[in-house]
Amino acid sequence: METTNLKIRTDKLIKEEAEEIFSELGIDMTAAINMFLKETVRVHGMPFEQILDKPNKTTKSAIGEGRKKMNAPSSPRYSSIDSLKIALDK
């Protein structure tokens, strides 16, 4: 199989920490990067889950409650931040 060079830039500390972990696993950086690339090709995407911060159950509930209150016909409307502050001070 024909090979090619891959030149990347990364944070020095991250590289050093990764090298320590790979060493414990018995592989070097080249093997680890090749494993990552092969798995990327195999799964046709990132070989690990990409997760955005998701609200927990309590936060989801609070968001839902806030949306219901906001859309309720009896929900107070404020024309400015100042009018909201006045209402909150009462």
Protein backbone atom coordinates (compact mmCIF):
# COMPACT_ATOMS: atom_id res chain seq x y z
CA MET A 1 0.00 0.00 0.00
CA GLU A 2 1.30 3.42 -0.95
CA THR A 3 1.70 5.83 1.97
CA THR A 4 1.76 9.58 2.28
CA ASN A 5 2.76 12.05 4.96
CA LEU A 6 0.23 13.94 7.00
CA LYS A 7 1.34 17.17 8.64
CA ILE A 8 -0.87 18.60 11.39
CA ARG A 9 -0.55 21.26 14.05
CA THR A 10 -1.86 20.69 17.55
CA ASP A 11 -1.46 21.96 21.08
CA LYS A 12 1.84 20.73 22.57
CA LEU A 13 0.34 19.66 25.90
CA ILE A 14 -2.49 17.74 24.23
CA LYS A 15 0.04 15.94 22.02
CA GLU A 16 2.19 15.00 25.01
CA GLU A 17 -0.78 13.76 27.04
CA ALA A 18 -2.09 11.76 24.08
CA GLU A 19 1.35 10.20 23.51
CA GLU A 20 1.41 9.05 27.15
CA ILE A 21 -2.01 7.42 26.79
CA PHE A 22 -1.10 5.79 23.47
CA SER A 23 2.14 4.50 25.00
CA GLU A 24 0.15 2.85 27.79
CA LEU A 25 -2.02 1.25 25.10
CA GLY A 26 1.09 0.01 23.28
CA ILE A 27 0.69 2.18 20.19
CA ASP A 28 2.35 5.31 18.87
CA MET A 29 0.86 8.53 17.52
CA THR A 30 1.03 7.31 13.90
CA ALA A 31 -0.88 4.13 14.73
CA ALA A 32 -3.48 6.10 16.70
CA ILE A 33 -4.03 8.61 13.89
CA ASN A 34 -4.27 5.79 11.35
CA MET A 35 -6.84 4.03 13.55
CA PHE A 36 -8.86 7.25 13.70
CA LEU A 37 -8.71 7.73 9.92
CA LYS A 38 -9.62 4.11 9.14
CA GLU A 39 -12.58 4.20 11.51
CA THR A 40 -13.71 7.51 9.98
CA VAL A 41 -13.76 5.86 6.56
CA ARG A 42 -15.46 2.73 7.91
CA VAL A 43 -18.36 4.62 9.55
CA HIS A 44 -18.47 7.38 6.93
CA GLY A 45 -18.26 10.06 9.62
CA MET A 46 -16.68 10.90 12.93
CA PRO A 47 -15.84 7.69 14.78
CA PHE A 48 -17.19 9.04 18.04
CA GLU A 49 -20.37 10.76 19.08
CA GLN A 50 -20.48 14.52 18.67
CA ILE A 51 -22.65 15.85 21.48
CA LEU A 52 -23.90 19.36 21.94
CA ASP A 53 -24.73 20.45 25.45
CA LYS A 54 -28.23 19.19 26.07
CA PRO A 55 -30.38 20.51 28.88
CA ASN A 56 -31.13 18.01 31.63
CA LYS A 57 -34.67 16.92 32.56
CA THR A 58 -35.19 19.76 35.07
CA THR A 59 -33.98 22.40 32.62
CA LYS A 60 -36.14 20.97 29.81
CA SER A 61 -39.15 21.14 32.10
CA ALA A 62 -38.39 24.74 33.05
CA ILE A 63 -37.96 25.70 29.39
CA GLY A 64 -41.29 24.09 28.52
CA GLU A 65 -43.04 25.83 31.42
CA GLY A 66 -41.55 29.16 30.39
CA ARG A 67 -42.71 28.69 26.80
CA LYS A 68 -46.25 27.83 27.94
CA LYS A 69 -46.39 30.92 30.14
CA MET A 70 -44.96 33.09 27.38
CA ASN A 71 -47.60 31.88 24.89
CA ALA A 72 -50.54 32.01 27.29
CA PRO A 73 -53.14 34.66 26.34
CA SER A 74 -53.09 36.02 29.88
CA SER A 75 -49.30 36.36 29.87
CA PRO A 76 -48.28 39.97 30.60
CA ARG A 77 -46.52 41.81 27.81
CA TYR A 78 -43.84 44.43 28.35
CA SER A 79 -42.84 47.07 25.87
CA SER A 80 -39.36 47.51 27.30
CA ILE A 81 -36.91 46.20 29.86
CA ASP A 82 -37.73 49.19 32.06
CA SER A 83 -41.44 48.32 32.15
CA LEU A 84 -40.51 44.73 33.10
CA LYS A 85 -38.23 45.98 35.88
CA ILE A 86 -41.04 48.18 37.24
CA ALA A 87 -43.41 45.20 37.25
CA LEU A 88 -40.84 43.01 39.02
CA ASP A 89 -40.19 45.64 41.69
CA LYS A 90 -43.88 45.64 42.70
